[in-house]
Amino acid sequence: MGQNTHKAVIAVLAETLPGERRVALVPADIGKLAQYDIVVEAGAGLNAGFVDEDYSAAGGKILARAEAIAAADLVLAVRAPDFAGFAPGKVVISLGGRDAAVADAAAKAQILHLGMERLPRITRAQSMDVLSSQASIAGYSAVLEGARHLDTLLPMMTTAAGIVRPAKMIALGAGVAGLQALATARRLGAVTYGFDVREAAREQVESLGAEFVFPDVPDAKAEGTGGYAAAQSDDQQFRLRRALTEALSRTNLIITSAQIPGRVAPILIDEETIAAMLPGTVIIDMAAETGGNVTITKPDQIVRHGRVTVIGPTNLPSAAPTDSSRLYSGNMRTLLTHLCKAGPLNLQAGDEILDALAGDQALPARAAA
């Protein structure tokens, strides 16, 4: 894993998680990575709309899974593979950097797992930020999913039979996903509102034509490191829920996306709040994978509480796998270019980005100049 004199080999694997339709590298990016030899597992891009012939035409070599893994210096995936058939010392780059089960499996298999969630929030790493690129797709998809389950239409319509009033939509959490949800809902004609515990989010919410909701709850508003919201106590969360109830009782579509890295998602909506909602209200809980922002959320299930529907999708980017794969691939291409920016592949300690991706795992020491 130190300096290499040969051209490093990248393997692009097919995803094995049910419902995962993305691929880690698309054909268009293969030609932009001439410093690597690239092998692709047969069928890796099919679910995202990319056939093997596309990869071959771009310069990739199609291999069976075991052959691709065996040939690789770096293995790329969207979701962390189970490491079955991986020789000790292999390097895998994928999501799963905050998953304890992935970390344990990698340690047991003696695999260096570079988790993309660990990417540092610094300016020169922005073009590698898969969490942001995929959150943008997820925010868009969340609104479409919510609209599909609503009993009403999002836009206002004037017809000979009467007027259809526009639906009201609110995004709880004004990160990348929440802001994209607001932009999408507004384009579809909804009246939009945005909430975040960070006062700094007001300008972004209002720039999208939404009204910023900021309940007067002392000590419940906080900004953590890296632009994320800070964790709140149970009491702060309770008081915030009660303060939000009035605003939520007047909305038809609610998109929640409040998450704190490495922590269980904060509870923003409980059963008392749900009881006050309009009949037919739909909640899309984008934080379902980390516990959910709603007390009754169940991952990848639809839960009905009276006339309110709560949906907890955990893989919204896969709803648009072609574009989400293109964005993920672009992030990955930038990272791979960075790893070879000074010549042969270098996975030694001392690089701010690489050190962050490795987390607590040991990297080879950088040789003294």
Protein backbone atom coordinates (compact mmCIF):
# COMPACT_ATOMS: atom_id res chain seq x y z
CA MET A 1 0.00 0.00 0.00
CA GLY A 2 3.01 2.30 -0.33
CA GLN A 3 4.58 3.77 -3.47
CA ASN A 4 3.99 1.61 -6.56
CA THR A 5 5.93 1.61 -9.85
CA HIS A 6 3.16 -0.17 -11.77
CA LYS A 7 -0.17 1.24 -12.89
CA ALA A 8 -2.62 0.63 -10.06
CA VAL A 9 -5.67 -1.48 -10.87
CA ILE A 10 -9.17 -0.39 -9.89
CA ALA A 11 -12.04 -2.89 -9.68
CA VAL A 12 -15.63 -1.70 -9.92
CA LEU A 13 -18.00 -4.15 -8.23
CA ALA A 14 -21.69 -4.87 -8.76
CA GLU A 15 -23.84 -4.04 -5.74
CA THR A 16 -25.30 -6.94 -3.76
CA LEU A 17 -27.59 -5.10 -1.32
CA PRO A 18 -31.23 -5.65 -2.36
CA GLY A 19 -32.63 -2.48 -3.92
CA GLU A 20 -29.23 -0.85 -4.47
CA ARG A 21 -29.22 0.16 -8.13
CA ARG A 22 -26.23 2.52 -8.26
CA VAL A 23 -22.73 1.78 -9.50
CA ALA A 24 -19.53 3.30 -8.13
CA LEU A 25 -17.96 4.34 -11.45
CA VAL A 26 -19.67 5.10 -14.76
CA PRO A 27 -18.11 4.55 -18.21
CA ALA A 28 -17.66 8.28 -18.91
CA ASP A 29 -15.20 8.59 -16.03
CA ILE A 30 -12.97 5.68 -17.06
CA GLY A 31 -11.27 7.73 -19.78
CA LYS A 32 -10.53 10.45 -17.22
CA LEU A 33 -8.58 8.02 -15.04
CA ALA A 34 -5.79 7.09 -17.46
CA GLN A 35 -3.37 6.72 -14.53
CA TYR A 36 -5.22 3.51 -13.56
CA ASP A 37 -6.13 0.22 -15.22
CA ILE A 38 -9.81 -0.39 -14.60
CA VAL A 39 -11.61 -3.72 -14.42
CA VAL A 40 -15.36 -3.98 -14.02
CA GLU A 41 -17.42 -6.86 -12.67
CA ALA A 42 -19.74 -8.17 -15.37
CA GLY A 43 -23.16 -6.51 -15.03
CA ALA A 44 -21.99 -3.94 -12.46
CA GLY A 45 -23.76 -1.02 -14.15
CA LEU A 46 -26.87 -2.71 -15.51
CA ASN A 47 -29.27 -1.45 -12.82
CA ALA A 48 -28.02 2.09 -13.34
CA GLY A 49 -28.43 1.94 -17.12
CA PHE A 50 -24.83 1.18 -18.12
CA VAL A 51 -24.14 -2.06 -20.02
CA ASP A 52 -20.85 -3.96 -20.14
CA GLU A 53 -20.25 -2.80 -23.70
CA ASP A 54 -20.25 0.81 -22.45
CA TYR A 55 -17.44 0.00 -20.03
CA SER A 56 -15.46 -1.95 -22.62
CA ALA A 57 -15.74 0.90 -25.13
CA ALA A 58 -14.46 3.32 -22.48
CA GLY A 59 -11.39 1.17 -21.81
CA GLY A 60 -12.55 -1.01 -18.93
CA LYS A 61 -11.99 -4.77 -18.83
CA ILE A 62 -14.99 -6.95 -17.94
CA LEU A 63 -14.26 -9.74 -15.47
CA ALA A 64 -16.11 -12.08 -13.14
CA ARG A 65 -16.38 -10.83 -9.55
CA ALA A 66 -13.64 -13.05 -8.09
CA GLU A 67 -11.24 -12.17 -10.92
CA ALA A 68 -11.91 -8.45 -10.55
CA ILE A 69 -11.27 -8.54 -6.80
CA ALA A 70 -8.10 -10.59 -7.20
CA ALA A 71 -6.67 -8.19 -9.81
CA ALA A 72 -7.40 -5.00 -7.89
CA ASP A 73 -5.24 -2.66 -5.86
CA LEU A 74 -8.36 -0.60 -5.10
CA VAL A 75 -11.91 -1.96 -5.01
CA LEU A 76 -14.76 0.52 -5.55
CA ALA A 77 -18.35 0.04 -4.45
CA VAL A 78 -21.34 2.12 -3.37
CA ARG A 79 -22.21 0.00 -0.35
CA ALA A 80 -19.45 -1.80 1.53
CA PRO A 81 -19.20 -5.42 0.28
CA ASP A 82 -19.09 -8.33 2.73
CA PHE A 83 -15.35 -8.86 1.98
CA ALA A 84 -15.90 -12.54 1.14
CA GLY A 85 -13.12 -13.65 -1.20
CA PHE A 86 -10.96 -10.61 -0.47
CA ALA A 87 -7.29 -11.31 0.22
CA PRO A 88 -5.82 -9.59 3.30
CA GLY A 89 -4.39 -6.18 2.48
CA LYS A 90 -6.97 -5.20 -0.14
CA VAL A 91 -8.18 -1.59 -0.13
CA VAL A 92 -11.91 -0.89 -0.49
CA ILE A 93 -13.49 2.53 -1.03
CA SER A 94 -17.24 2.79 -0.42
CA LEU A 95 -19.93 4.08 1.88
CA GLY A 96 -20.20 2.45 5.31
CA GLY A 97 -17.54 4.47 7.09
CA ARG A 98 -19.75 4.97 10.16
CA ASP A 99 -21.08 1.42 10.29
CA ALA A 100 -19.60 -0.57 13.17
CA ALA A 101 -20.45 -3.88 11.49
CA VAL A 102 -18.51 -2.84 8.38
CA ALA A 103 -15.54 -1.79 10.51
CA ASP A 104 -15.56 -5.12 12.36
CA ALA A 105 -15.80 -7.12 9.13
CA ALA A 106 -12.96 -5.14 7.54
CA ALA A 107 -10.75 -5.64 10.58
CA LYS A 108 -11.46 -9.37 10.66
CA ALA A 109 -10.67 -9.71 6.94
CA GLN A 110 -7.61 -7.42 7.26
CA ILE A 111 -9.04 -5.01 4.72
CA LEU A 112 -8.31 -1.27 4.65
CA HIS A 113 -11.76 0.29 4.25
CA LEU A 114 -11.81 3.93 3.18
CA GLY A 115 -15.29 5.14 4.20
CA MET A 116 -16.60 8.02 2.11
CA GLU A 117 -18.70 9.34 5.03
CA ARG A 118 -15.47 10.20 6.82
CA LEU A 119 -14.41 12.70 4.16
CA PRO A 120 -13.27 15.92 5.88
CA ARG A 121 -15.46 18.99 5.33
CA ILE A 122 -12.74 21.11 3.79
CA THR A 123 -12.81 23.18 0.61
CA ARG A 124 -10.52 20.96 -1.47
CA ALA A 125 -12.60 17.87 -0.64
CA GLN A 126 -15.97 19.34 -1.68
CA SER A 127 -15.80 17.77 -5.14
CA MET A 128 -15.36 14.34 -3.48
CA ASP A 129 -18.34 14.73 -1.12
CA VAL A 130 -20.65 11.82 -1.99
CA LEU A 131 -22.91 12.56 1.00
CA SER A 132 -23.82 15.94 -0.48
CA SER A 133 -24.24 14.71 -4.05
CA GLN A 134 -26.42 11.80 -3.00
CA ALA A 135 -28.40 13.90 -0.51
CA SER A 136 -29.36 16.22 -3.36
CA ILE A 137 -30.82 13.29 -5.31
CA ALA A 138 -32.52 12.02 -2.16
CA GLY A 139 -34.19 15.37 -1.44
CA TYR A 140 -35.62 15.46 -4.94
CA SER A 141 -36.81 11.86 -4.76
CA ALA A 142 -38.38 12.40 -1.31
CA VAL A 143 -40.76 15.04 -2.66
CA LEU A 144 -41.80 12.83 -5.58
CA GLU A 145 -42.40 9.93 -3.18
CA GLY A 146 -44.45 12.17 -0.90
CA ALA A 147 -46.49 13.55 -3.79
CA ARG A 148 -47.27 10.01 -4.89
CA HIS A 149 -48.85 9.23 -1.52
CA LEU A 150 -50.70 12.51 -0.95
CA ASP A 151 -54.46 12.63 -1.36
CA THR A 152 -54.10 16.12 -2.81
CA LEU A 153 -52.10 17.83 -5.55
CA LEU A 154 -49.01 19.94 -4.86
CA PRO A 155 -49.70 22.79 -7.33
CA MET A 156 -52.60 25.19 -7.53
CA MET A 157 -54.92 24.50 -10.46
CA THR A 158 -57.74 26.59 -11.86
CA THR A 159 -60.29 24.56 -13.79
CA ALA A 160 -63.86 24.99 -15.02
CA ALA A 161 -64.90 22.68 -12.19
CA GLY A 162 -63.24 24.78 -9.52
CA ILE A 163 -59.92 25.78 -7.98
CA VAL A 164 -57.44 23.34 -6.42
CA ARG A 165 -55.51 25.07 -3.65
CA PRO A 166 -51.74 24.43 -3.49
CA ALA A 167 -50.49 22.00 -0.87
CA LYS A 168 -48.23 23.17 1.95
CA MET A 169 -44.87 21.46 2.35
CA ILE A 170 -42.26 21.83 5.09
CA ALA A 171 -38.68 20.54 5.25
CA LEU A 172 -37.39 19.83 8.75
CA GLY A 173 -33.64 20.12 8.37
CA ALA A 174 -32.07 22.57 5.92
CA GLY A 175 -29.04 20.58 4.84
CA VAL A 176 -28.44 19.58 1.24
CA ALA A 177 -31.36 17.13 1.19
CA GLY A 178 -33.81 19.50 2.85
CA LEU A 179 -32.91 22.40 0.59
CA GLN A 180 -33.25 20.24 -2.53
CA ALA A 181 -36.64 19.05 -1.24
CA LEU A 182 -37.74 22.68 -0.84
CA ALA A 183 -36.54 23.58 -4.33
CA THR A 184 -38.32 20.58 -5.84
CA ALA A 185 -41.60 21.13 -4.00
CA ARG A 186 -41.64 24.79 -5.00
CA ARG A 187 -41.01 23.90 -8.64
CA LEU A 188 -44.00 21.57 -8.40
CA GLY A 189 -46.16 24.42 -7.10
CA ALA A 190 -46.37 23.81 -3.36
CA VAL A 191 -46.26 26.54 -0.72
CA THR A 192 -43.01 25.81 1.09
CA TYR A 193 -41.60 26.23 4.59
CA GLY A 194 -38.23 25.27 6.02
CA PHE A 195 -37.03 24.63 9.57
CA ASP A 196 -33.58 24.17 11.05
CA VAL A 197 -32.13 24.65 14.53
CA ARG A 198 -29.37 26.73 12.92
CA GLU A 199 -30.31 30.36 12.43
CA ALA A 200 -27.61 30.45 9.73
CA ALA A 201 -29.89 28.28 7.55
CA ARG A 202 -32.48 31.06 7.26
CA GLU A 203 -30.83 32.74 4.27
CA GLN A 204 -30.58 29.48 2.31
CA VAL A 205 -34.22 28.55 3.01
CA GLU A 206 -35.51 32.00 2.07
CA SER A 207 -33.37 32.10 -1.09
CA LEU A 208 -35.49 29.19 -2.35
CA GLY A 209 -38.71 31.12 -1.84
CA ALA A 210 -39.68 29.26 1.34
CA GLU A 211 -40.69 30.77 4.66
CA PHE A 212 -38.24 30.03 7.47
CA VAL A 213 -39.85 28.51 10.57
CA PHE A 214 -37.84 29.18 13.72
CA PRO A 215 -39.80 28.53 16.95
CA ASP A 216 -38.73 30.49 20.01
CA VAL A 217 -37.32 27.66 22.09
CA PRO A 218 -34.41 28.72 24.33
CA ASP A 219 -31.28 26.53 24.07
CA ALA A 220 -32.86 24.37 21.35
CA LYS A 221 -31.03 26.12 18.53
CA ALA A 222 -27.43 25.21 18.01
CA GLU A 223 -24.81 24.77 15.32
CA GLY A 224 -22.17 22.08 15.70
CA THR A 225 -18.84 21.62 13.98
CA GLY A 226 -18.53 21.41 10.21
CA GLY A 227 -21.84 23.21 9.65
CA TYR A 228 -23.90 20.37 11.14
CA ALA A 229 -26.53 20.90 13.82
CA ALA A 230 -25.38 20.13 17.34
CA ALA A 231 -26.84 17.26 19.35
CA GLN A 232 -29.65 18.22 21.74
CA SER A 233 -30.77 16.82 25.06
CA ASP A 234 -34.03 14.87 25.38
CA ASP A 235 -35.61 17.88 27.09
CA GLN A 236 -34.54 20.24 24.30
CA GLN A 237 -35.95 17.87 21.70
CA PHE A 238 -39.25 17.61 23.61
CA ARG A 239 -39.65 21.38 23.85
CA LEU A 240 -38.80 21.76 20.18
CA ARG A 241 -41.42 19.15 19.19
CA ARG A 242 -44.11 21.01 21.10
CA ALA A 243 -43.09 24.31 19.52
CA LEU A 244 -43.18 22.80 16.01
CA THR A 245 -46.59 21.17 16.43
CA GLU A 246 -48.57 24.27 15.44
CA ALA A 247 -46.67 24.73 12.17
CA LEU A 248 -46.83 21.01 11.32
CA SER A 249 -50.57 20.88 11.97
CA ARG A 250 -51.09 23.13 8.92
CA THR A 251 -48.93 21.25 6.38
CA ASN A 252 -49.77 18.46 3.96
CA LEU A 253 -46.30 17.12 3.15
CA ILE A 254 -43.45 16.95 5.67
CA ILE A 255 -39.89 15.98 4.69
CA THR A 256 -37.55 15.32 7.62
CA SER A 257 -33.79 15.02 7.14
CA ALA A 258 -32.27 16.07 10.47
CA GLN A 259 -29.19 13.96 11.24
CA ILE A 260 -26.03 14.35 13.33
CA PRO A 261 -22.91 12.45 12.19
CA GLY A 262 -22.24 9.41 14.35
CA ARG A 263 -25.40 9.88 16.43
CA VAL A 264 -28.98 8.61 16.46
CA ALA A 265 -31.23 11.02 14.56
CA PRO A 266 -33.08 13.57 16.74
CA ILE A 267 -36.81 13.09 17.30
CA LEU A 268 -38.72 15.99 15.74
CA ILE A 269 -42.20 14.46 15.50
CA ASP A 270 -43.96 12.29 18.10
CA GLU A 271 -47.44 10.79 18.30
CA GLU A 272 -48.84 13.87 20.01
CA THR A 273 -47.72 15.99 17.06
CA ILE A 274 -49.10 13.47 14.57
CA ALA A 275 -52.49 13.55 16.31
CA ALA A 276 -52.71 17.29 15.57
CA MET A 277 -51.96 16.94 11.85
CA LEU A 278 -54.37 17.34 8.97
CA PRO A 279 -56.02 14.15 7.69
CA GLY A 280 -54.04 12.85 4.72
CA THR A 281 -50.72 14.35 5.82
CA VAL A 282 -47.69 12.46 4.48
CA ILE A 283 -44.31 12.40 6.23
CA ILE A 284 -41.17 11.24 4.43
CA ASP A 285 -38.57 10.49 7.11
CA MET A 286 -35.18 10.63 5.37
CA ALA A 287 -33.40 9.89 8.64
CA ALA A 288 -34.94 6.41 8.88
CA GLU A 289 -31.58 4.66 8.49
CA THR A 290 -30.21 6.35 11.64
CA GLY A 291 -33.28 5.91 13.84
CA GLY A 292 -35.68 8.36 12.24
CA ASN A 293 -36.94 11.85 13.08
CA VAL A 294 -40.42 10.43 13.78
CA THR A 295 -41.12 8.14 16.73
CA ILE A 296 -43.15 5.65 14.67
CA THR A 297 -40.86 5.46 11.61
CA LYS A 298 -39.89 1.99 10.45
CA PRO A 299 -37.07 1.71 7.88
CA ASP A 300 -38.35 0.99 4.37
CA GLN A 301 -41.92 0.62 5.55
CA ILE A 302 -45.14 2.62 5.29
CA VAL A 303 -46.75 3.23 8.69
CA ARG A 304 -50.23 4.69 9.02
CA HIS A 305 -51.25 6.42 12.23
CA GLY A 306 -54.89 7.40 11.86
CA ARG A 307 -55.05 9.42 8.62
CA VAL A 308 -51.33 10.29 8.66
CA THR A 309 -48.84 8.27 6.58
CA VAL A 310 -45.19 7.96 7.65
CA ILE A 311 -42.69 6.55 5.13
CA GLY A 312 -39.09 5.70 6.05
CA PRO A 313 -37.04 5.19 2.86
CA THR A 314 -33.36 4.33 3.37
CA ASN A 315 -32.09 4.47 -0.21
CA LEU A 316 -33.77 7.32 -2.08
CA PRO A 317 -30.81 7.94 -4.42
CA SER A 318 -31.47 4.55 -6.00
CA ALA A 319 -34.80 5.90 -7.23
CA ALA A 320 -32.78 7.77 -9.88
CA PRO A 321 -29.79 5.42 -10.27
CA THR A 322 -28.40 6.79 -13.54
CA ASP A 323 -27.89 10.35 -12.33
CA SER A 324 -27.03 9.39 -8.76
CA SER A 325 -24.35 7.04 -10.15
CA ARG A 326 -22.97 9.79 -12.37
CA LEU A 327 -22.63 12.10 -9.37
CA TYR A 328 -21.17 9.39 -7.12
CA SER A 329 -18.74 8.47 -9.90
CA GLY A 330 -17.68 12.09 -10.30
CA ASN A 331 -16.92 12.29 -6.58
CA MET A 332 -14.99 9.03 -6.77
CA ARG A 333 -13.03 10.15 -9.86
CA THR A 334 -11.90 13.30 -8.06
CA LEU A 335 -10.72 11.26 -5.07
CA LEU A 336 -8.87 8.75 -7.28
CA THR A 337 -7.16 11.60 -9.12
CA HIS A 338 -6.11 13.05 -5.76
CA LEU A 339 -4.60 9.72 -4.68
CA CYS A 340 -2.42 9.72 -7.81
CA LYS A 341 -1.79 13.44 -8.09
CA ALA A 342 1.96 13.16 -7.43
CA GLY A 343 2.63 10.07 -9.54
CA PRO A 344 1.94 6.43 -8.60
CA LEU A 345 -0.83 5.50 -6.18
CA ASN A 346 0.11 6.65 -2.69
CA LEU A 347 -1.81 5.38 0.34
CA GLN A 348 0.62 6.51 3.00
CA ALA A 349 -0.32 8.42 6.14
CA GLY A 350 0.11 12.17 6.23
CA ASP A 351 -2.52 13.27 3.69
CA GLU A 352 -5.44 15.06 5.36
CA ILE A 353 -8.07 13.53 3.10
CA LEU A 354 -6.69 9.98 3.14
CA ASP A 355 -6.14 10.04 6.90
CA ALA A 356 -9.79 11.05 7.42
CA LEU A 357 -11.11 8.33 5.10
CA ALA A 358 -9.11 5.68 6.97
CA GLY A 359 -10.42 6.76 10.37
CA ASP A 360 -8.85 4.68 13.14
CA GLN A 361 -7.22 2.25 10.71
CA ALA A 362 -3.45 2.35 10.36
CA LEU A 363 -1.92 3.62 7.13
CA PRO A 364 1.72 3.04 6.17
CA ALA A 365 3.97 5.78 7.53
CA ARG A 366 5.11 8.40 5.03
CA ALA A 367 8.82 8.16 4.29
CA ALA A 368 10.97 11.07 5.43
CA ALA A 369 11.95 13.49 2.68
